[in-house]
Amino acid sequence: MDELVRPTPPLFLRAYQPHLRYYLIDEGRYTPEQLSAIDSPLSGVFEVEIASGDRVSLQAAVDRLVRLIQADPNKARLDRLITHWLKRHLRRLSADIDLKQINSLVEDKAMLAENLESWAQRERREGRLEGERIGMKKTAQDTARNLIALGMLNDGQIAQATGLSVAQVEALRADN
């Protein structure tokens, strides 16, 4: 670590320079295939981090992690540590799920799976609603463009007919 300190401090300060040993863990260096070939809880943690974007692969990674914890001689301590980490990780992902009752990945695996499934359903529902909202806005804009092209209504009437604001209709008229 002291090789990284630049400029090199004077000799009288070298006694106060930290001399730390570390082990670099770079999850980006492993492919999912390599991780699945390594039977260690750390590889399971990496898999969970990689799978965080997809609920199905996240559940599969958590299931594998539970199997790895159960096979470890220090399973109680490891379960407690990884459960705590997973709860923080899911909060960072903005997973709106209730994790208060989950105290052990091994014991509460079914409850976690249920929470992940309800999170996925909520995400799909929100996605559908967002898609519908975008579709309705596009339909209103298309209708306004068609009414502008007909030239029979003023901006206020078009706004009233489509649900757009007068300013939005004026902007659409300016774009044509």
N, C-alpha and C. Protein backbone atom coordinates (compact mmCIF):
# COMPACT_ATOMS: atom_id res chain seq x y z
N MET A 1 0.82 -1.17 0.00
CA MET A 1 0.00 0.00 0.00
C MET A 1 0.88 1.26 0.00
N ASP A 2 2.02 1.18 0.69
CA ASP A 2 2.86 2.37 0.80
C ASP A 2 3.47 2.76 -0.55
N GLU A 3 3.51 1.82 -1.52
CA GLU A 3 4.03 2.17 -2.85
C GLU A 3 3.08 3.13 -3.57
N LEU A 4 1.83 3.15 -3.15
CA LEU A 4 0.83 3.99 -3.82
C LEU A 4 0.87 5.44 -3.36
N VAL A 5 1.56 5.72 -2.25
CA VAL A 5 1.60 7.08 -1.72
C VAL A 5 2.65 7.87 -2.49
N ARG A 6 2.20 8.89 -3.18
CA ARG A 6 3.09 9.75 -3.96
C ARG A 6 2.81 11.19 -3.60
N PRO A 7 3.75 12.04 -3.47
CA PRO A 7 5.18 11.77 -3.48
C PRO A 7 5.58 11.01 -2.21
N THR A 8 6.69 10.34 -2.30
CA THR A 8 7.18 9.57 -1.17
C THR A 8 7.45 10.51 -0.01
N PRO A 9 6.91 10.20 1.18
CA PRO A 9 7.12 11.09 2.32
C PRO A 9 8.57 11.05 2.81
N PRO A 10 9.00 12.09 3.50
CA PRO A 10 10.37 12.11 4.05
C PRO A 10 10.57 10.95 5.03
N LEU A 11 11.82 10.58 5.23
CA LEU A 11 12.15 9.43 6.08
C LEU A 11 11.57 9.53 7.48
N PHE A 12 11.57 10.71 8.07
CA PHE A 12 11.09 10.82 9.45
C PHE A 12 9.58 10.57 9.55
N LEU A 13 8.84 10.64 8.42
CA LEU A 13 7.40 10.36 8.43
C LEU A 13 7.06 8.92 8.03
N ARG A 14 8.03 8.18 7.52
CA ARG A 14 7.76 6.82 7.03
C ARG A 14 7.25 5.90 8.14
N ALA A 15 7.63 6.17 9.37
CA ALA A 15 7.16 5.34 10.48
C ALA A 15 5.64 5.47 10.66
N TYR A 16 5.09 6.58 10.22
CA TYR A 16 3.65 6.83 10.39
C TYR A 16 2.84 6.47 9.14
N GLN A 17 3.52 6.05 8.11
CA GLN A 17 2.84 5.68 6.87
C GLN A 17 2.20 4.30 7.04
N PRO A 18 0.94 4.16 6.62
CA PRO A 18 0.27 2.86 6.82
C PRO A 18 0.90 1.76 5.97
N HIS A 19 0.98 0.60 6.56
CA HIS A 19 1.48 -0.59 5.85
C HIS A 19 0.37 -1.64 5.95
N LEU A 20 -0.55 -1.58 5.03
CA LEU A 20 -1.71 -2.46 5.07
C LEU A 20 -1.59 -3.55 4.02
N ARG A 21 -1.98 -4.75 4.43
CA ARG A 21 -2.06 -5.84 3.48
C ARG A 21 -3.52 -5.97 3.09
N TYR A 22 -3.76 -6.31 1.85
CA TYR A 22 -5.13 -6.47 1.40
C TYR A 22 -5.19 -7.54 0.33
N TYR A 23 -6.39 -8.03 0.11
CA TYR A 23 -6.63 -9.01 -0.93
C TYR A 23 -7.69 -8.42 -1.84
N LEU A 24 -7.33 -8.22 -3.09
CA LEU A 24 -8.25 -7.62 -4.05
C LEU A 24 -9.30 -8.65 -4.47
N ILE A 25 -10.55 -8.26 -4.32
CA ILE A 25 -11.65 -9.11 -4.77
C ILE A 25 -12.37 -8.33 -5.86
N ASP A 26 -12.20 -8.75 -7.09
CA ASP A 26 -12.78 -8.05 -8.24
C ASP A 26 -13.83 -8.95 -8.88
N GLU A 27 -15.09 -8.70 -8.54
CA GLU A 27 -16.16 -9.56 -9.05
C GLU A 27 -16.30 -9.46 -10.57
N GLY A 28 -15.85 -8.36 -11.15
CA GLY A 28 -15.95 -8.17 -12.60
C GLY A 28 -15.03 -9.09 -13.39
N ARG A 29 -14.07 -9.70 -12.72
CA ARG A 29 -13.14 -10.59 -13.41
C ARG A 29 -13.72 -11.98 -13.65
N TYR A 30 -14.86 -12.26 -13.04
CA TYR A 30 -15.44 -13.59 -13.15
C TYR A 30 -16.67 -13.57 -14.06
N THR A 31 -16.78 -14.58 -14.90
CA THR A 31 -17.99 -14.75 -15.70
C THR A 31 -19.00 -15.51 -14.85
N PRO A 32 -20.28 -15.45 -15.20
CA PRO A 32 -21.27 -16.23 -14.44
C PRO A 32 -20.94 -17.73 -14.42
N GLU A 33 -20.38 -18.24 -15.51
CA GLU A 33 -20.02 -19.66 -15.56
C GLU A 33 -18.90 -19.97 -14.57
N GLN A 34 -17.91 -19.08 -14.49
CA GLN A 34 -16.81 -19.29 -13.54
C GLN A 34 -17.34 -19.25 -12.11
N LEU A 35 -18.23 -18.30 -11.83
CA LEU A 35 -18.78 -18.19 -10.48
C LEU A 35 -19.56 -19.44 -10.08
N SER A 36 -20.35 -19.97 -11.01
CA SER A 36 -21.15 -21.15 -10.67
C SER A 36 -20.27 -22.38 -10.45
N ALA A 37 -19.05 -22.37 -10.98
CA ALA A 37 -18.13 -23.49 -10.79
C ALA A 37 -17.41 -23.42 -9.44
N ILE A 38 -17.44 -22.27 -8.79
CA ILE A 38 -16.76 -22.08 -7.50
C ILE A 38 -17.78 -22.29 -6.39
N ASP A 39 -17.54 -23.28 -5.54
CA ASP A 39 -18.47 -23.55 -4.44
C ASP A 39 -18.02 -22.82 -3.18
N SER A 40 -18.23 -21.52 -3.17
CA SER A 40 -17.93 -20.74 -1.97
C SER A 40 -19.03 -19.70 -1.78
N PRO A 41 -19.32 -19.35 -0.54
CA PRO A 41 -20.35 -18.34 -0.31
C PRO A 41 -20.03 -17.00 -0.99
N LEU A 42 -18.75 -16.67 -1.11
CA LEU A 42 -18.40 -15.41 -1.78
C LEU A 42 -18.81 -15.44 -3.24
N SER A 43 -18.65 -16.58 -3.91
CA SER A 43 -19.10 -16.66 -5.30
C SER A 43 -20.62 -16.51 -5.38
N GLY A 44 -21.32 -17.01 -4.36
CA GLY A 44 -22.77 -16.83 -4.30
C GLY A 44 -23.17 -15.38 -4.13
N VAL A 45 -22.41 -14.65 -3.30
CA VAL A 45 -22.66 -13.22 -3.12
C VAL A 45 -22.45 -12.48 -4.44
N PHE A 46 -21.37 -12.82 -5.14
CA PHE A 46 -21.11 -12.20 -6.45
C PHE A 46 -22.26 -12.47 -7.41
N GLU A 47 -22.75 -13.72 -7.41
CA GLU A 47 -23.86 -14.06 -8.30
C GLU A 47 -25.11 -13.24 -7.99
N VAL A 48 -25.38 -13.02 -6.71
CA VAL A 48 -26.53 -12.20 -6.32
C VAL A 48 -26.36 -10.78 -6.85
N GLU A 49 -25.16 -10.23 -6.72
CA GLU A 49 -24.93 -8.87 -7.21
C GLU A 49 -25.09 -8.79 -8.72
N ILE A 50 -24.60 -9.79 -9.44
CA ILE A 50 -24.71 -9.79 -10.90
C ILE A 50 -26.17 -9.96 -11.34
N ALA A 51 -26.92 -10.79 -10.61
CA ALA A 51 -28.29 -11.12 -10.99
C ALA A 51 -29.31 -10.10 -10.52
N SER A 52 -28.89 -9.02 -9.92
CA SER A 52 -29.82 -8.09 -9.28
C SER A 52 -30.83 -7.45 -10.22
N GLY A 53 -30.58 -7.43 -11.52
CA GLY A 53 -31.52 -6.79 -12.43
C GLY A 53 -32.70 -7.65 -12.81
N ASP A 54 -32.61 -8.95 -12.61
CA ASP A 54 -33.64 -9.89 -13.06
C ASP A 54 -34.11 -10.72 -11.88
N ARG A 55 -35.40 -10.68 -11.58
CA ARG A 55 -35.94 -11.34 -10.41
C ARG A 55 -35.75 -12.86 -10.44
N VAL A 56 -35.91 -13.48 -11.59
CA VAL A 56 -35.77 -14.94 -11.69
C VAL A 56 -34.33 -15.35 -11.41
N SER A 57 -33.38 -14.67 -12.04
CA SER A 57 -31.97 -15.02 -11.80
C SER A 57 -31.55 -14.64 -10.39
N LEU A 58 -32.15 -13.57 -9.84
CA LEU A 58 -31.85 -13.19 -8.45
C LEU A 58 -32.32 -14.30 -7.51
N GLN A 59 -33.52 -14.82 -7.74
CA GLN A 59 -34.02 -15.91 -6.88
C GLN A 59 -33.14 -17.15 -7.01
N ALA A 60 -32.71 -17.46 -8.23
CA ALA A 60 -31.83 -18.62 -8.44
C ALA A 60 -30.49 -18.41 -7.72
N ALA A 61 -29.97 -17.19 -7.78
CA ALA A 61 -28.70 -16.90 -7.10
C ALA A 61 -28.86 -17.00 -5.59
N VAL A 62 -29.98 -16.52 -5.06
CA VAL A 62 -30.24 -16.62 -3.62
C VAL A 62 -30.38 -18.09 -3.21
N ASP A 63 -31.07 -18.88 -4.03
CA ASP A 63 -31.22 -20.32 -3.73
C ASP A 63 -29.85 -21.00 -3.68
N ARG A 64 -28.99 -20.68 -4.63
CA ARG A 64 -27.64 -21.26 -4.64
C ARG A 64 -26.85 -20.80 -3.41
N LEU A 65 -26.99 -19.53 -3.07
CA LEU A 65 -26.30 -18.99 -1.91
C LEU A 65 -26.75 -19.71 -0.63
N VAL A 66 -28.04 -19.99 -0.52
CA VAL A 66 -28.55 -20.73 0.65
C VAL A 66 -27.92 -22.12 0.71
N ARG A 67 -27.83 -22.80 -0.44
CA ARG A 67 -27.20 -24.14 -0.46
C ARG A 67 -25.73 -24.05 -0.02
N LEU A 68 -25.03 -23.01 -0.48
CA LEU A 68 -23.62 -22.85 -0.11
C LEU A 68 -23.48 -22.56 1.38
N ILE A 69 -24.38 -21.76 1.93
CA ILE A 69 -24.34 -21.47 3.37
C ILE A 69 -24.59 -22.75 4.16
N GLN A 70 -25.58 -23.54 3.74
CA GLN A 70 -25.91 -24.77 4.46
C GLN A 70 -24.75 -25.76 4.46
N ALA A 71 -23.93 -25.74 3.41
CA ALA A 71 -22.80 -26.68 3.31
C ALA A 71 -21.57 -26.18 4.06
N ASP A 72 -21.57 -24.94 4.50
CA ASP A 72 -20.39 -24.36 5.15
C ASP A 72 -20.35 -24.75 6.63
N PRO A 73 -19.16 -25.04 7.17
CA PRO A 73 -19.07 -25.40 8.59
C PRO A 73 -19.45 -24.25 9.53
N ASN A 74 -19.32 -23.02 9.09
CA ASN A 74 -19.67 -21.85 9.91
C ASN A 74 -21.03 -21.29 9.49
N LYS A 75 -21.99 -22.18 9.24
CA LYS A 75 -23.23 -21.74 8.61
C LYS A 75 -24.02 -20.72 9.43
N ALA A 76 -24.05 -20.83 10.74
CA ALA A 76 -24.85 -19.89 11.54
C ALA A 76 -24.30 -18.47 11.41
N ARG A 77 -23.01 -18.32 11.58
CA ARG A 77 -22.39 -16.99 11.47
C ARG A 77 -22.50 -16.45 10.05
N LEU A 78 -22.22 -17.31 9.08
CA LEU A 78 -22.28 -16.92 7.67
C LEU A 78 -23.70 -16.52 7.28
N ASP A 79 -24.67 -17.28 7.74
CA ASP A 79 -26.08 -16.97 7.45
C ASP A 79 -26.44 -15.59 7.99
N ARG A 80 -26.04 -15.31 9.22
CA ARG A 80 -26.33 -14.01 9.84
C ARG A 80 -25.69 -12.87 9.05
N LEU A 81 -24.41 -13.02 8.68
CA LEU A 81 -23.69 -11.97 7.95
C LEU A 81 -24.27 -11.75 6.55
N ILE A 82 -24.50 -12.83 5.83
CA ILE A 82 -24.99 -12.70 4.45
C ILE A 82 -26.44 -12.23 4.44
N THR A 83 -27.24 -12.64 5.41
CA THR A 83 -28.62 -12.14 5.49
C THR A 83 -28.61 -10.63 5.69
N HIS A 84 -27.77 -10.17 6.60
CA HIS A 84 -27.64 -8.72 6.84
C HIS A 84 -27.20 -8.00 5.57
N TRP A 85 -26.21 -8.56 4.87
CA TRP A 85 -25.73 -7.94 3.62
C TRP A 85 -26.83 -7.92 2.57
N LEU A 86 -27.55 -9.04 2.41
CA LEU A 86 -28.58 -9.13 1.38
C LEU A 86 -29.70 -8.12 1.63
N LYS A 87 -30.08 -7.94 2.88
CA LYS A 87 -31.12 -6.95 3.20
C LYS A 87 -30.66 -5.55 2.78
N ARG A 88 -29.42 -5.21 3.07
CA ARG A 88 -28.89 -3.89 2.65
C ARG A 88 -28.81 -3.80 1.14
N HIS A 89 -28.39 -4.89 0.49
CA HIS A 89 -28.26 -4.91 -0.96
C HIS A 89 -29.62 -4.69 -1.63
N LEU A 90 -30.64 -5.36 -1.14
CA LEU A 90 -31.98 -5.20 -1.72
C LEU A 90 -32.52 -3.79 -1.48
N ARG A 91 -32.21 -3.19 -0.35
CA ARG A 91 -32.62 -1.79 -0.11
C ARG A 91 -31.92 -0.86 -1.10
N ARG A 92 -30.64 -1.13 -1.39
CA ARG A 92 -29.91 -0.31 -2.37
C ARG A 92 -30.53 -0.43 -3.76
N LEU A 93 -31.10 -1.59 -4.05
CA LEU A 93 -31.77 -1.80 -5.34
C LEU A 93 -33.14 -1.14 -5.38
N SER A 94 -33.51 -0.50 -4.28
CA SER A 94 -34.84 0.12 -4.14
C SER A 94 -35.94 -0.93 -4.21
N ALA A 95 -35.64 -2.11 -3.71
CA ALA A 95 -36.65 -3.16 -3.66
C ALA A 95 -37.63 -2.82 -2.56
N ASP A 96 -38.84 -2.53 -2.93
CA ASP A 96 -39.86 -2.14 -1.97
C ASP A 96 -40.49 -3.40 -1.39
N ILE A 97 -39.71 -4.12 -0.59
CA ILE A 97 -40.22 -5.35 0.02
C ILE A 97 -39.95 -5.30 1.52
N ASP A 98 -40.78 -6.04 2.26
CA ASP A 98 -40.67 -6.06 3.72
C ASP A 98 -39.63 -7.09 4.14
N LEU A 99 -38.50 -6.60 4.62
CA LEU A 99 -37.40 -7.48 5.01
C LEU A 99 -37.25 -7.58 6.52
N LYS A 100 -38.12 -6.91 7.28
CA LYS A 100 -37.97 -6.88 8.74
C LYS A 100 -38.08 -8.27 9.36
N GLN A 101 -38.96 -9.10 8.80
CA GLN A 101 -39.19 -10.42 9.39
C GLN A 101 -38.15 -11.45 8.98
N ILE A 102 -37.31 -11.10 8.02
CA ILE A 102 -36.31 -12.06 7.54
C ILE A 102 -35.05 -11.93 8.38
N ASN A 103 -34.77 -12.97 9.15
CA ASN A 103 -33.59 -12.96 10.02
C ASN A 103 -32.55 -13.98 9.59
N SER A 104 -32.95 -14.89 8.72
CA SER A 104 -32.05 -15.95 8.28
C SER A 104 -32.42 -16.34 6.86
N LEU A 105 -31.43 -16.31 5.97
CA LEU A 105 -31.68 -16.75 4.59
C LEU A 105 -32.07 -18.22 4.56
N VAL A 106 -31.42 -19.01 5.38
CA VAL A 106 -31.66 -20.44 5.38
C VAL A 106 -33.07 -20.74 5.89
N GLU A 107 -33.47 -20.13 7.00
CA GLU A 107 -34.77 -20.42 7.59
C GLU A 107 -35.91 -19.68 6.90
N ASP A 108 -35.66 -18.50 6.40
CA ASP A 108 -36.73 -17.66 5.84
C ASP A 108 -36.67 -17.58 4.31
N LYS A 109 -36.10 -18.61 3.69
CA LYS A 109 -35.94 -18.61 2.23
C LYS A 109 -37.28 -18.49 1.52
N ALA A 110 -38.30 -19.20 1.99
CA ALA A 110 -39.62 -19.16 1.34
C ALA A 110 -40.24 -17.77 1.46
N MET A 111 -40.07 -17.14 2.63
CA MET A 111 -40.62 -15.80 2.83
C MET A 111 -39.91 -14.80 1.92
N LEU A 112 -38.60 -14.94 1.76
CA LEU A 112 -37.85 -14.05 0.88
C LEU A 112 -38.30 -14.26 -0.57
N ALA A 113 -38.49 -15.51 -0.97
CA ALA A 113 -38.94 -15.79 -2.34
C ALA A 113 -40.30 -15.16 -2.59
N GLU A 114 -41.18 -15.24 -1.60
CA GLU A 114 -42.50 -14.62 -1.73
C GLU A 114 -42.38 -13.10 -1.86
N ASN A 115 -41.51 -12.50 -1.05
CA ASN A 115 -41.29 -11.05 -1.13
C ASN A 115 -40.72 -10.65 -2.48
N LEU A 116 -39.77 -11.43 -2.99
CA LEU A 116 -39.18 -11.12 -4.29
C LEU A 116 -40.23 -11.24 -5.40
N GLU A 117 -41.11 -12.23 -5.29
CA GLU A 117 -42.16 -12.40 -6.29
C GLU A 117 -43.14 -11.23 -6.25
N SER A 118 -43.54 -10.81 -5.05
CA SER A 118 -44.47 -9.67 -4.96
C SER A 118 -43.80 -8.39 -5.47
N TRP A 119 -42.48 -8.26 -5.23
CA TRP A 119 -41.74 -7.11 -5.76
C TRP A 119 -41.78 -7.13 -7.28
N ALA A 120 -41.55 -8.31 -7.88
CA ALA A 120 -41.55 -8.43 -9.34
C ALA A 120 -42.94 -8.12 -9.90
N GLN A 121 -43.98 -8.60 -9.24
CA GLN A 121 -45.34 -8.31 -9.71
C GLN A 121 -45.64 -6.82 -9.63
N ARG A 122 -45.21 -6.18 -8.55
CA ARG A 122 -45.41 -4.74 -8.40
C ARG A 122 -44.66 -3.97 -9.49
N GLU A 123 -43.43 -4.41 -9.78
CA GLU A 123 -42.64 -3.77 -10.84
C GLU A 123 -43.33 -3.92 -12.20
N ARG A 124 -43.84 -5.12 -12.48
CA ARG A 124 -44.56 -5.34 -13.75
C ARG A 124 -45.80 -4.46 -13.82
N ARG A 125 -46.55 -4.39 -12.72
CA ARG A 125 -47.76 -3.56 -12.68
C ARG A 125 -47.42 -2.09 -12.92
N GLU A 126 -46.37 -1.61 -12.25
CA GLU A 126 -45.95 -0.22 -12.44
C GLU A 126 -45.49 0.01 -13.87
N GLY A 127 -44.81 -0.97 -14.46
CA GLY A 127 -44.38 -0.86 -15.85
C GLY A 127 -45.55 -0.77 -16.80
N ARG A 128 -46.58 -1.60 -16.55
CA ARG A 128 -47.78 -1.54 -17.39
C ARG A 128 -48.46 -0.19 -17.27
N LEU A 129 -48.59 0.31 -16.04
CA LEU A 129 -49.23 1.61 -15.84
C LEU A 129 -48.46 2.72 -16.54
N GLU A 130 -47.14 2.66 -16.45
CA GLU A 130 -46.30 3.66 -17.12
C GLU A 130 -46.49 3.57 -18.63
N GLY A 131 -46.53 2.35 -19.15
CA GLY A 131 -46.75 2.16 -20.59
C GLY A 131 -48.11 2.69 -21.03
N GLU A 132 -49.13 2.43 -20.22
CA GLU A 132 -50.46 2.96 -20.53
C GLU A 132 -50.47 4.48 -20.52
N ARG A 133 -49.80 5.07 -19.53
CA ARG A 133 -49.75 6.53 -19.42
C ARG A 133 -49.05 7.13 -20.65
N ILE A 134 -47.96 6.52 -21.06
CA ILE A 134 -47.23 7.00 -22.24
C ILE A 134 -48.10 6.85 -23.48
N GLY A 135 -48.80 5.70 -23.58
CA GLY A 135 -49.67 5.47 -24.73
C GLY A 135 -50.81 6.47 -24.81
N MET A 136 -51.40 6.78 -23.66
CA MET A 136 -52.50 7.76 -23.64
C MET A 136 -51.99 9.14 -24.03
N LYS A 137 -50.81 9.51 -23.56
CA LYS A 137 -50.25 10.82 -23.91
C LYS A 137 -49.97 10.89 -25.41
N LYS A 138 -49.41 9.82 -25.95
CA LYS A 138 -49.11 9.79 -27.39
C LYS A 138 -50.40 9.86 -28.20
N THR A 139 -51.43 9.14 -27.75
CA THR A 139 -52.72 9.17 -28.44
C THR A 139 -53.31 10.58 -28.43
N ALA A 140 -53.24 11.25 -27.28
CA ALA A 140 -53.76 12.62 -27.19
C ALA A 140 -52.98 13.55 -28.12
N GLN A 141 -51.66 13.38 -28.17
CA GLN A 141 -50.85 14.22 -29.06
C GLN A 141 -51.16 13.94 -30.52
N ASP A 142 -51.32 12.66 -30.87
CA ASP A 142 -51.67 12.31 -32.26
C ASP A 142 -53.03 12.88 -32.64
N THR A 143 -53.99 12.78 -31.73
CA THR A 143 -55.32 13.34 -31.99
C THR A 143 -55.23 14.85 -32.18
N ALA A 144 -54.45 15.51 -31.32
CA ALA A 144 -54.28 16.96 -31.44
C ALA A 144 -53.63 17.32 -32.78
N ARG A 145 -52.63 16.56 -33.19
CA ARG A 145 -51.99 16.83 -34.49
C ARG A 145 -53.00 16.69 -35.63
N ASN A 146 -53.83 15.65 -35.56
CA ASN A 146 -54.85 15.46 -36.59
C ASN A 146 -55.86 16.61 -36.61
N LEU A 147 -56.27 17.06 -35.43
CA LEU A 147 -57.21 18.18 -35.36
C LEU A 147 -56.57 19.47 -35.85
N ILE A 148 -55.30 19.65 -35.55
CA ILE A 148 -54.57 20.83 -36.05
C ILE A 148 -54.53 20.78 -37.57
N ALA A 149 -54.25 19.60 -38.12
CA ALA A 149 -54.16 19.45 -39.58
C ALA A 149 -55.50 19.74 -40.25
N LEU A 150 -56.60 19.40 -39.60
CA LEU A 150 -57.91 19.69 -40.17
C LEU A 150 -58.18 21.19 -40.22
N GLY A 151 -57.63 21.92 -39.24
CA GLY A 151 -57.75 23.37 -39.22
C GLY A 151 -59.13 23.89 -38.88
N MET A 152 -59.96 23.09 -38.25
CA MET A 152 -61.33 23.51 -37.97
C MET A 152 -61.53 23.99 -36.54
N LEU A 153 -60.58 23.70 -35.64
CA LEU A 153 -60.73 24.07 -34.24
C LEU A 153 -59.57 24.96 -33.80
N ASN A 154 -59.86 25.79 -32.78
CA ASN A 154 -58.77 26.60 -32.23
C ASN A 154 -58.05 25.79 -31.15
N ASP A 155 -56.95 26.33 -30.63
CA ASP A 155 -56.11 25.60 -29.67
C ASP A 155 -56.87 25.25 -28.39
N GLY A 156 -57.72 26.14 -27.93
CA GLY A 156 -58.50 25.89 -26.71
C GLY A 156 -59.45 24.72 -26.90
N GLN A 157 -60.10 24.65 -28.06
CA GLN A 157 -61.03 23.55 -28.33
C GLN A 157 -60.28 22.22 -28.46
N ILE A 158 -59.12 22.27 -29.11
CA ILE A 158 -58.31 21.05 -29.25
C ILE A 158 -57.83 20.58 -27.88
N ALA A 159 -57.42 21.53 -27.04
CA ALA A 159 -56.97 21.19 -25.69
C ALA A 159 -58.11 20.54 -24.90
N GLN A 160 -59.30 21.10 -25.02
CA GLN A 160 -60.45 20.55 -24.31
C GLN A 160 -60.79 19.15 -24.82
N ALA A 161 -60.70 18.94 -26.13
CA ALA A 161 -61.05 17.64 -26.71
C ALA A 161 -60.03 16.55 -26.38
N THR A 162 -58.76 16.91 -26.25
CA THR A 162 -57.71 15.91 -26.06
C THR A 162 -57.23 15.77 -24.62
N GLY A 163 -57.52 16.75 -23.78
CA GLY A 163 -57.02 16.72 -22.41
C GLY A 163 -55.63 17.30 -22.27
N LEU A 164 -55.07 17.80 -23.36
CA LEU A 164 -53.76 18.47 -23.30
C LEU A 164 -53.96 19.91 -22.85
N SER A 165 -52.90 20.54 -22.43
CA SER A 165 -52.98 21.96 -22.09
C SER A 165 -52.89 22.78 -23.38
N VAL A 166 -53.34 24.02 -23.30
CA VAL A 166 -53.26 24.90 -24.47
C VAL A 166 -51.80 25.08 -24.89
N ALA A 167 -50.90 25.17 -23.91
CA ALA A 167 -49.47 25.33 -24.22
C ALA A 167 -48.95 24.11 -24.99
N GLN A 168 -49.40 22.91 -24.61
CA GLN A 168 -48.96 21.71 -25.33
C GLN A 168 -49.49 21.71 -26.76
N VAL A 169 -50.74 22.14 -26.93
CA VAL A 169 -51.31 22.21 -28.28
C VAL A 169 -50.56 23.23 -29.12
N GLU A 170 -50.24 24.38 -28.50
CA GLU A 170 -49.47 25.42 -29.22
C GLU A 170 -48.11 24.88 -29.63
N ALA A 171 -47.47 24.11 -28.76
CA ALA A 171 -46.16 23.53 -29.08
C ALA A 171 -46.29 22.53 -30.24
N LEU A 172 -47.35 21.74 -30.24
CA LEU A 172 -47.57 20.80 -31.34
C LEU A 172 -47.83 21.54 -32.65
N ARG A 173 -48.59 22.63 -32.55
CA ARG A 173 -48.87 23.43 -33.74
C ARG A 173 -47.57 24.03 -34.29
N ALA A 174 -46.69 24.46 -33.39
CA ALA A 174 -45.41 25.06 -33.82
C ALA A 174 -44.51 24.01 -34.47
N ASP A 175 -44.62 22.75 -34.03
CA ASP A 175 -43.81 21.68 -34.60
C ASP A 175 -44.24 21.32 -36.02
N ASN A 176 -45.53 21.56 -36.34
CA ASN A 176 -46.03 21.20 -37.68
C ASN A 176 -45.59 22.15 -38.70
